[in-house]
Protein backbone atom coordinates (compact mmCIF):
# COMPACT_ATOMS: atom_id res chain seq x y z
CA MET A 1 98.01 -32.81 -21.12
CA LYS A 2 98.30 -36.49 -20.43
CA THR A 3 97.01 -35.83 -16.88
CA LEU A 4 93.70 -34.34 -18.10
CA THR A 5 93.24 -37.21 -20.42
CA GLN A 6 93.72 -39.64 -18.00
CA SER A 7 91.15 -37.80 -15.83
CA LEU A 8 88.93 -37.08 -18.87
CA LEU A 9 88.75 -40.97 -19.72
CA ALA A 10 88.11 -42.04 -15.74
CA LEU A 11 85.14 -39.85 -15.56
CA GLY A 12 84.02 -41.29 -18.55
CA LEU A 13 84.20 -44.76 -17.28
CA ILE A 14 82.73 -43.76 -14.03
CA SER A 15 79.51 -42.39 -15.91
CA LEU A 16 79.20 -45.42 -17.81
CA ALA A 17 79.18 -47.50 -14.61
CA SER A 18 76.91 -45.70 -12.87
CA ASN A 19 74.38 -45.61 -16.11
CA GLY A 20 74.43 -49.64 -16.09
CA PHE A 21 73.99 -50.19 -12.28
CA ALA A 22 70.87 -47.80 -12.96
CA ASP A 23 69.40 -50.32 -15.55
CA LEU A 24 69.90 -53.38 -13.48
CA PRO A 25 66.79 -54.71 -11.47
CA LYS A 26 66.31 -53.50 -8.31
CA ALA A 27 66.21 -55.86 -5.29
CA PHE A 28 62.69 -57.05 -4.44
CA ASP A 29 61.10 -55.51 -1.06
CA TYR A 30 59.57 -58.19 0.69
CA ASN A 31 58.84 -55.88 3.81
CA LYS A 32 56.87 -53.11 1.42
CA ALA A 33 54.84 -56.01 -0.65
CA SER A 34 53.49 -57.55 2.90
CA THR A 35 52.60 -54.78 3.74
CA ASN A 36 50.62 -53.57 0.74
CA TYR A 37 49.50 -57.26 0.02
CA VAL A 38 45.81 -58.15 0.61
CA ASP A 39 44.43 -61.47 0.32
CA ASN A 40 41.15 -61.86 -1.40
CA THR A 41 41.37 -65.39 -2.73
CA SER A 42 38.93 -66.68 -0.18
CA SER A 43 36.87 -63.86 0.36
CA GLY A 44 33.89 -64.46 -1.82
CA ALA A 45 33.72 -68.05 -0.83
CA VAL A 46 33.36 -66.92 2.87
CA ALA A 47 30.46 -64.57 1.87
CA THR A 48 28.74 -67.47 0.26
CA PHE A 49 28.94 -69.84 2.83
CA ASP A 50 27.73 -67.09 5.34
CA ASP A 51 24.93 -66.11 3.13
CA MET A 52 23.62 -69.97 3.00
CA ALA A 53 24.24 -70.48 6.78
CA ASN A 54 22.03 -67.18 7.51
CA LYS A 55 18.95 -68.69 5.63
CA THR A 56 18.41 -72.09 6.95
CA TYR A 57 15.91 -73.21 9.36
CA PHE A 58 14.91 -76.38 11.60
CA GLY A 59 12.47 -77.98 13.93
CA GLY A 60 10.38 -80.80 14.84
CA SER A 61 6.68 -81.10 15.30
CA ILE A 62 4.34 -84.03 16.86
CA GLY A 63 0.69 -84.97 16.30
CA PRO A 64 -2.24 -87.06 15.40
CA SER A 65 -2.22 -89.42 12.18
CA ASP A 66 -4.73 -90.78 10.36
CA SER A 67 -4.89 -93.82 7.71
CA SER A 68 -8.35 -93.12 6.15
CA SER A 69 -8.85 -96.13 4.24
CA TYR A 70 -6.74 -98.64 5.99
CA CYS A 71 -9.57 -100.33 7.97
CA LYS A 72 -11.86 -101.52 4.87
CA ASN A 73 -12.32 -105.16 5.19
CA ALA A 74 -11.14 -105.64 8.77
CA ASN A 75 -12.72 -106.85 11.77
CA SER A 76 -11.24 -104.65 14.35
CA CYS A 77 -9.04 -102.13 13.40
CA GLU A 78 -6.52 -99.22 14.74
CA ASP A 79 -5.79 -96.64 12.01
CA LYS A 80 -5.08 -93.55 14.16
CA ASP A 81 -1.37 -92.89 16.14
CA THR A 82 0.76 -90.28 16.69
CA ALA A 83 3.35 -88.92 14.23
CA TRP A 84 6.27 -87.05 14.49
CA LYS A 85 8.86 -85.24 12.14
CA ILE A 86 12.03 -83.70 11.93
CA PHE A 87 12.38 -80.76 9.30
CA GLY A 88 15.19 -78.25 8.04
CA GLY A 89 15.04 -75.91 5.31
CA TYR A 90 16.81 -73.38 2.70
CA LYS A 91 15.54 -70.06 2.21
CA ILE A 92 15.67 -69.29 -1.56
CA THR A 93 13.60 -66.14 -1.55
CA GLU A 94 11.21 -64.07 0.89
CA ARG A 95 8.30 -65.98 -0.09
CA LEU A 96 9.84 -69.96 -1.07
CA SER A 97 11.84 -72.20 0.58
CA ALA A 98 13.30 -75.65 -0.11
CA GLU A 99 12.69 -78.02 2.96
CA ALA A 100 13.26 -81.91 3.86
CA ALA A 101 11.76 -83.72 6.72
CA TYR A 102 11.76 -87.39 7.95
CA VAL A 103 8.38 -88.42 9.21
CA ASN A 104 7.68 -91.10 11.69
CA ILE A 105 4.33 -91.66 10.45
CA ALA A 106 1.97 -94.19 12.32
CA ASN A 107 2.26 -97.78 13.74
CA ILE A 108 -1.17 -99.15 12.93
CA HIS A 109 -2.76 -103.00 13.21
CA LYS A 110 -5.92 -104.78 12.06
CA THR A 111 -7.36 -108.34 11.51
CA PRO A 112 -8.75 -108.57 7.98
CA THR A 113 -12.05 -110.65 7.29
CA SER A 114 -10.76 -111.74 3.62
CA GLY A 115 -7.54 -112.91 1.90
CA SER A 116 -4.34 -115.07 2.64
CA THR A 117 -4.28 -112.85 6.61
CA ALA A 118 -7.76 -113.28 7.33
CA GLY A 119 -8.11 -113.59 11.01
CA SER A 120 -4.63 -112.78 11.94
CA VAL A 121 -3.36 -109.47 13.17
CA GLN A 122 -1.36 -107.42 10.65
CA VAL A 123 0.54 -104.39 11.91
CA SER A 124 2.16 -101.76 9.48
CA ASP A 125 4.85 -99.51 10.67
CA ILE A 126 5.11 -96.36 8.34
CA SER A 127 7.65 -93.68 7.82
CA ALA A 128 8.90 -91.75 4.95
CA PHE A 129 11.48 -88.82 3.99
CA THR A 130 9.91 -85.97 1.96
CA ALA A 131 11.26 -82.98 0.14
CA ALA A 132 8.78 -79.88 -0.86
CA ALA A 133 8.80 -76.22 -1.85
CA VAL A 134 7.44 -74.34 0.39
CA GLY A 135 5.66 -71.16 -0.46
CA THR A 136 5.21 -68.65 2.37
CA MET A 137 2.53 -65.63 2.56
CA PRO A 138 2.98 -63.25 6.06
CA ILE A 139 -0.60 -61.97 7.26
CA ASN A 140 0.71 -59.28 9.63
CA ASP A 141 4.12 -58.93 11.76
CA GLN A 142 3.24 -62.13 13.76
CA ILE A 143 1.18 -64.32 11.78
CA ASP A 144 2.41 -66.21 8.12
CA ILE A 145 0.32 -68.75 6.43
CA PHE A 146 2.14 -71.21 3.67
CA GLY A 147 1.44 -74.43 1.40
CA LYS A 148 3.83 -76.72 -0.05
CA VAL A 149 3.70 -79.51 -2.32
CA GLY A 150 6.65 -82.34 -3.19
CA ALA A 151 7.85 -86.09 -3.03
CA MET A 152 7.87 -88.13 -0.55
CA ARG A 153 9.72 -92.08 -0.10
CA TRP A 154 8.01 -93.85 2.14
CA SER A 155 8.68 -97.41 3.43
CA SER A 156 6.10 -99.81 5.22
CA ASP A 157 7.26 -102.69 7.60
CA ASN A 158 4.24 -104.78 8.08
CA THR A 159 3.59 -108.20 9.29
CA ALA A 160 3.34 -109.44 5.71
CA GLY A 161 7.19 -108.21 4.64
CA SER A 162 8.12 -104.49 4.01
CA GLU A 163 7.35 -102.26 1.41
CA SER A 164 8.84 -98.83 -0.27
CA GLY A 165 8.05 -96.25 -3.04
CA PHE A 166 7.95 -92.92 -4.00
CA GLY A 167 5.09 -90.45 -4.07
CA MET A 168 3.93 -87.20 -3.74
CA THR A 169 3.01 -85.37 -0.59
CA TYR A 170 1.39 -81.77 -0.18
CA GLY A 171 0.43 -79.33 2.76
CA ILE A 172 -1.04 -75.82 4.96
CA GLY A 173 -0.09 -74.66 7.58
CA ALA A 174 0.73 -71.46 9.67
CA LYS A 175 3.39 -70.08 11.63
CA MET A 176 3.21 -67.57 14.39
CA HIS A 177 6.33 -65.41 15.57
CA ILE A 178 7.32 -66.49 19.29
CA SER A 179 10.83 -64.42 18.95
CA GLU A 180 13.13 -62.81 16.26
CA ARG A 181 14.65 -66.52 15.22
CA THR A 182 11.43 -68.91 16.90
CA LYS A 183 8.03 -69.70 15.40
CA LEU A 184 5.25 -71.64 16.70
CA ARG A 185 4.03 -74.13 13.67
CA ALA A 186 0.93 -76.10 12.86
CA GLU A 187 0.29 -77.77 9.65
CA TRP A 188 -1.73 -80.18 7.89
CA GLU A 189 -0.44 -82.62 5.64
CA LYS A 190 -1.58 -85.49 3.36
CA LEU A 191 0.78 -88.98 2.39
CA PRO A 192 -1.17 -90.56 -0.51
CA SER A 193 -1.17 -94.08 -1.84
CA ILE A 194 1.21 -95.72 1.06
CA GLU A 195 1.39 -99.66 0.50
CA THR A 196 0.50 -101.28 4.09
CA ALA A 197 0.38 -104.57 2.68
CA PRO A 198 0.66 -106.49 -0.97
CA GLY A 199 -1.88 -104.69 -2.97
CA GLU A 200 -3.19 -102.61 0.22
CA LYS A 201 -2.96 -98.79 0.12
CA THR A 202 -4.06 -96.02 2.38
CA ASP A 203 -3.77 -92.70 2.59
CA VAL A 204 -2.70 -90.81 5.43
CA ASN A 205 -3.42 -87.26 6.83
CA MET A 206 -1.19 -85.85 9.59
CA LEU A 207 -1.94 -82.78 11.72
CA SER A 208 1.10 -81.55 13.85
CA ILE A 209 2.57 -78.58 15.90
CA GLY A 210 6.13 -78.03 16.74
CA VAL A 211 8.52 -75.35 16.88
CA GLU A 212 10.73 -73.66 13.83
CA LEU A 213 14.09 -72.25 14.82
CA SER A 214 15.62 -69.90 11.87
CA THR A 215 19.43 -68.18 11.88
CA TYR A 216 17.64 -65.21 10.09
């Protein structure tokens, strides 16, 4: 009888012990976790960066500029020069882009017939930074036309000193697709009311032709 009681007591203790160990937390399986874990923390940022990079374009162009009212009250004058620019843009939608450019507009000179600089040569070196919204419309599979309007920060280094200021700029143009990512670009731009000397302003017209390279 005593032996039976001891046996039953031993079985009860074993049962309690097994139930207690069952309730303890299990060891973390690092191998299994590393196999099933997927890192999604940076996928959105990478996708966003890739999307932005695939919507950009850049290029350069060159052509004649004409400072239309520069030669007023001048004895001898040269109001034409060769201008050039470099530009880059971001395609917001299929029809709308944002574009920025640096424009080396003109190096012009004249000999005024009146004023404090009368009889002496006056030289003006004009440049500008521009930012514009560009609207594009396809004509066919190879030709697009576009119009743009924006703002500029111009500077004019001249004999009388240096002038700078803000103004408006606008233009129209066309693009011809040479290949999937290369376009031949021709445009006309107006950069109005640029000071070439204290109290003197001129409007500049620029015609240019160049190449545009895109990532899309």
